[in-house]
């Protein structure tokens, strides 16, 4: 069922993407939408104040294992997004996904297959995936 939803989304993106169909347009729209996500997070901190960023060096005890790292690494985010900031971020992330899928369409890639490959990779490599 999930593959049908994702494939349907990919087909819908292909159907409705008219103006920014050039790969150059799509690449710049991905970059723009990423910047808008960053800006929305920054506004949640600086204008709304629903979240705070309290960042410092990630510290782990010298004898900690990779499996233990999750206990020690922090997100540096304090608080919760308010409904307004959550709505804005969901919309901006949705726009980013739209353009990522548009890029897949232009390059003949299947978004669902990419998700499956990444999921399999994560399950296979576990915590070693992003080292």
C-alpha atoms as a PDB file:
ATOM      1  CA  UNK A   1       0.000   0.000   0.000  1.00  0.00           C
ATOM      2  CA  UNK A   2       2.782   2.433   0.887  1.00  0.00           C
ATOM      3  CA  UNK A   3       4.434   1.911  -2.477  1.00  0.00           C
ATOM      4  CA  UNK A   4       1.155   2.871  -4.167  1.00  0.00           C
ATOM      5  CA  UNK A   5       0.956   6.103  -2.173  1.00  0.00           C
ATOM      6  CA  UNK A   6       4.561   7.050  -2.951  1.00  0.00           C
ATOM      7  CA  UNK A   7       4.228   6.119  -6.630  1.00  0.00           C
ATOM      8  CA  UNK A   8       0.973   8.089  -6.800  1.00  0.00           C
ATOM      9  CA  UNK A   9       2.738  11.086  -5.263  1.00  0.00           C
ATOM     10  CA  UNK A  10       5.543  10.783  -7.815  1.00  0.00           C
ATOM     11  CA  UNK A  11       2.991  10.666 -10.660  1.00  0.00           C
ATOM     12  CA  UNK A  12       1.139  13.671  -9.224  1.00  0.00           C
ATOM     13  CA  UNK A  13       4.371  15.686  -9.016  1.00  0.00           C
ATOM     14  CA  UNK A  14       5.092  14.813 -12.628  1.00  0.00           C
ATOM     15  CA  UNK A  15       1.592  15.885 -13.646  1.00  0.00           C
ATOM     16  CA  UNK A  16       1.625  19.233 -11.835  1.00  0.00           C
ATOM     17  CA  UNK A  17       5.210  20.363 -12.341  1.00  0.00           C
ATOM     18  CA  UNK A  18       4.994  22.636 -15.349  1.00  0.00           C
ATOM     19  CA  UNK A  19       6.855  25.875 -14.811  1.00  0.00           C
ATOM     20  CA  UNK A  20      10.047  24.515 -13.230  1.00  0.00           C
ATOM     21  CA  UNK A  21      10.493  21.421 -15.389  1.00  0.00           C
ATOM     22  CA  UNK A  22      14.101  22.147 -16.394  1.00  0.00           C
ATOM     23  CA  UNK A  23      16.669  20.269 -14.311  1.00  0.00           C
ATOM     24  CA  UNK A  24      18.380  23.617 -13.653  1.00  0.00           C
ATOM     25  CA  UNK A  25      15.127  25.037 -12.280  1.00  0.00           C
ATOM     26  CA  UNK A  26      14.555  21.934 -10.176  1.00  0.00           C
ATOM     27  CA  UNK A  27      18.069  22.005  -8.699  1.00  0.00           C
ATOM     28  CA  UNK A  28      17.746  25.660  -7.757  1.00  0.00           C
ATOM     29  CA  UNK A  29      14.256  25.080  -6.304  1.00  0.00           C
ATOM     30  CA  UNK A  30      15.662  22.275  -4.120  1.00  0.00           C
ATOM     31  CA  UNK A  31      18.330  24.661  -2.878  1.00  0.00           C
ATOM     32  CA  UNK A  32      15.761  27.421  -2.306  1.00  0.00           C
ATOM     33  CA  UNK A  33      13.396  25.091  -0.451  1.00  0.00           C
ATOM     34  CA  UNK A  34      16.255  23.870   1.752  1.00  0.00           C
ATOM     35  CA  UNK A  35      17.066  27.481   2.604  1.00  0.00           C
ATOM     36  CA  UNK A  36      13.390  28.090   3.434  1.00  0.00           C
ATOM     37  CA  UNK A  37      13.468  25.127   5.836  1.00  0.00           C
ATOM     38  CA  UNK A  38      16.551  26.574   7.521  1.00  0.00           C
ATOM     39  CA  UNK A  39      14.862  29.986   7.723  1.00  0.00           C
ATOM     40  CA  UNK A  40      11.697  28.492   9.219  1.00  0.00           C
ATOM     41  CA  UNK A  41      13.719  26.774  11.937  1.00  0.00           C
ATOM     42  CA  UNK A  42      15.610  30.013  12.619  1.00  0.00           C
ATOM     43  CA  UNK A  43      12.322  31.943  12.875  1.00  0.00           C
ATOM     44  CA  UNK A  44      10.988  29.351  15.318  1.00  0.00           C
ATOM     45  CA  UNK A  45      13.939  30.261  17.518  1.00  0.00           C
ATOM     46  CA  UNK A  46      14.364  33.987  16.958  1.00  0.00           C
ATOM     47  CA  UNK A  47      10.844  35.276  16.266  1.00  0.00           C
ATOM     48  CA  UNK A  48       8.457  32.798  17.869  1.00  0.00           C
ATOM     49  CA  UNK A  49      10.706  31.394  20.563  1.00  0.00           C
ATOM     50  CA  UNK A  50       8.856  28.071  20.764  1.00  0.00           C
ATOM     51  CA  UNK A  51      12.202  26.287  20.474  1.00  0.00           C
ATOM     52  CA  UNK A  52      15.704  27.174  21.566  1.00  0.00           C
ATOM     53  CA  UNK A  53      19.048  25.962  20.312  1.00  0.00           C
ATOM     54  CA  UNK A  54      21.546  25.281  23.056  1.00  0.00           C
ATOM     55  CA  UNK A  55      24.566  23.914  21.231  1.00  0.00           C
ATOM     56  CA  UNK A  56      27.922  22.833  22.523  1.00  0.00           C
ATOM     57  CA  UNK A  57      30.520  20.236  21.665  1.00  0.00           C
ATOM     58  CA  UNK A  58      29.182  16.692  21.724  1.00  0.00           C
ATOM     59  CA  UNK A  59      30.938  14.939  24.592  1.00  0.00           C
ATOM     60  CA  UNK A  60      31.188  11.200  25.136  1.00  0.00           C
ATOM     61  CA  UNK A  61      33.096   9.331  27.793  1.00  0.00           C
ATOM     62  CA  UNK A  62      36.361   7.870  26.469  1.00  0.00           C
ATOM     63  CA  UNK A  63      35.165   4.321  27.162  1.00  0.00           C
ATOM     64  CA  UNK A  64      31.786   4.745  25.418  1.00  0.00           C
ATOM     65  CA  UNK A  65      30.984   2.430  22.540  1.00  0.00           C
ATOM     66  CA  UNK A  66      29.276   3.484  19.315  1.00  0.00           C
ATOM     67  CA  UNK A  67      26.110   1.857  20.591  1.00  0.00           C
ATOM     68  CA  UNK A  68      26.303   4.076  23.693  1.00  0.00           C
ATOM     69  CA  UNK A  69      26.738   7.266  21.670  1.00  0.00           C
ATOM     70  CA  UNK A  70      22.979   7.797  21.351  1.00  0.00           C
ATOM     71  CA  UNK A  71      22.814   8.270  25.116  1.00  0.00           C
ATOM     72  CA  UNK A  72      25.338  11.097  25.012  1.00  0.00           C
ATOM     73  CA  UNK A  73      24.685  12.956  21.747  1.00  0.00           C
ATOM     74  CA  UNK A  74      22.145  15.738  21.948  1.00  0.00           C
ATOM     75  CA  UNK A  75      19.935  17.402  19.350  1.00  0.00           C
ATOM     76  CA  UNK A  76      20.651  20.823  20.900  1.00  0.00           C
ATOM     77  CA  UNK A  77      16.932  21.638  20.506  1.00  0.00           C
ATOM     78  CA  UNK A  78      14.995  22.662  23.596  1.00  0.00           C
ATOM     79  CA  UNK A  79      11.228  23.069  23.640  1.00  0.00           C
ATOM     80  CA  UNK A  80       8.578  22.024  21.142  1.00  0.00           C
ATOM     81  CA  UNK A  81       7.411  23.609  17.912  1.00  0.00           C
ATOM     82  CA  UNK A  82       4.179  25.542  18.311  1.00  0.00           C
ATOM     83  CA  UNK A  83       1.330  24.712  15.914  1.00  0.00           C
ATOM     84  CA  UNK A  84       2.120  27.656  13.625  1.00  0.00           C
ATOM     85  CA  UNK A  85       5.841  26.871  13.325  1.00  0.00           C
ATOM     86  CA  UNK A  86       5.040  23.182  12.874  1.00  0.00           C
ATOM     87  CA  UNK A  87       2.654  24.012  10.007  1.00  0.00           C
ATOM     88  CA  UNK A  88       5.234  26.239   8.330  1.00  0.00           C
ATOM     89  CA  UNK A  89       7.966  23.620   8.609  1.00  0.00           C
ATOM     90  CA  UNK A  90       5.709  20.844   7.363  1.00  0.00           C
ATOM     91  CA  UNK A  91       4.838  22.959   4.322  1.00  0.00           C
ATOM     92  CA  UNK A  92       8.483  23.828   3.619  1.00  0.00           C
ATOM     93  CA  UNK A  93       9.630  20.216   4.017  1.00  0.00           C
ATOM     94  CA  UNK A  94       6.743  19.166   1.756  1.00  0.00           C
ATOM     95  CA  UNK A  95       7.936  21.628  -0.898  1.00  0.00           C
ATOM     96  CA  UNK A  96      11.434  20.213  -0.626  1.00  0.00           C
ATOM     97  CA  UNK A  97      10.134  16.676  -1.081  1.00  0.00           C
ATOM     98  CA  UNK A  98       8.125  17.874  -4.096  1.00  0.00           C
ATOM     99  CA  UNK A  99      11.266  19.128  -5.809  1.00  0.00           C
ATOM    100  CA  UNK A 100      13.304  16.054  -4.823  1.00  0.00           C
ATOM    101  CA  UNK A 101      10.618  13.918  -6.469  1.00  0.00           C
ATOM    102  CA  UNK A 102      10.630  16.248  -9.491  1.00  0.00           C
ATOM    103  CA  UNK A 103      14.386  15.650  -9.787  1.00  0.00           C
ATOM    104  CA  UNK A 104      13.757  11.911  -9.666  1.00  0.00           C
ATOM    105  CA  UNK A 105      11.196  12.268 -12.465  1.00  0.00           C
ATOM    106  CA  UNK A 106      13.526  14.255 -14.709  1.00  0.00           C
ATOM    107  CA  UNK A 107      16.326  11.732 -14.186  1.00  0.00           C
ATOM    108  CA  UNK A 108      14.085   8.680 -14.550  1.00  0.00           C
ATOM    109  CA  UNK A 109      14.513   7.552 -10.941  1.00  0.00           C
ATOM    110  CA  UNK A 110      11.811   5.967  -8.816  1.00  0.00           C
ATOM    111  CA  UNK A 111      11.481   7.751  -5.477  1.00  0.00           C
ATOM    112  CA  UNK A 112      10.017   4.691  -3.741  1.00  0.00           C
ATOM    113  CA  UNK A 113      12.921   2.523  -4.926  1.00  0.00           C
ATOM    114  CA  UNK A 114      15.340   5.096  -3.510  1.00  0.00           C
ATOM    115  CA  UNK A 115      13.511   5.002  -0.168  1.00  0.00           C
ATOM    116  CA  UNK A 116      13.637   1.204  -0.134  1.00  0.00           C
ATOM    117  CA  UNK A 117      17.363   1.144  -0.960  1.00  0.00           C
ATOM    118  CA  UNK A 118      18.102   3.654   1.791  1.00  0.00           C
ATOM    119  CA  UNK A 119      15.976   1.710   4.267  1.00  0.00           C
ATOM    120  CA  UNK A 120      17.788  -1.518   3.399  1.00  0.00           C
ATOM    121  CA  UNK A 121      21.155   0.233   3.693  1.00  0.00           C
ATOM    122  CA  UNK A 122      20.261   1.607   7.109  1.00  0.00           C
ATOM    123  CA  UNK A 123      19.093  -1.776   8.308  1.00  0.00           C
ATOM    124  CA  UNK A 124      22.215  -3.467   6.963  1.00  0.00           C
ATOM    125  CA  UNK A 125      24.824  -0.978   8.145  1.00  0.00           C
ATOM    126  CA  UNK A 126      23.005   0.270  11.245  1.00  0.00           C
ATOM    127  CA  UNK A 127      24.933   2.895  13.151  1.00  0.00           C
ATOM    128  CA  UNK A 128      27.896   2.532  10.798  1.00  0.00           C
ATOM    129  CA  UNK A 129      25.856   3.976   7.898  1.00  0.00           C
ATOM    130  CA  UNK A 130      26.773   7.627   8.410  1.00  0.00           C
ATOM    131  CA  UNK A 131      30.230   7.392   9.961  1.00  0.00           C
END
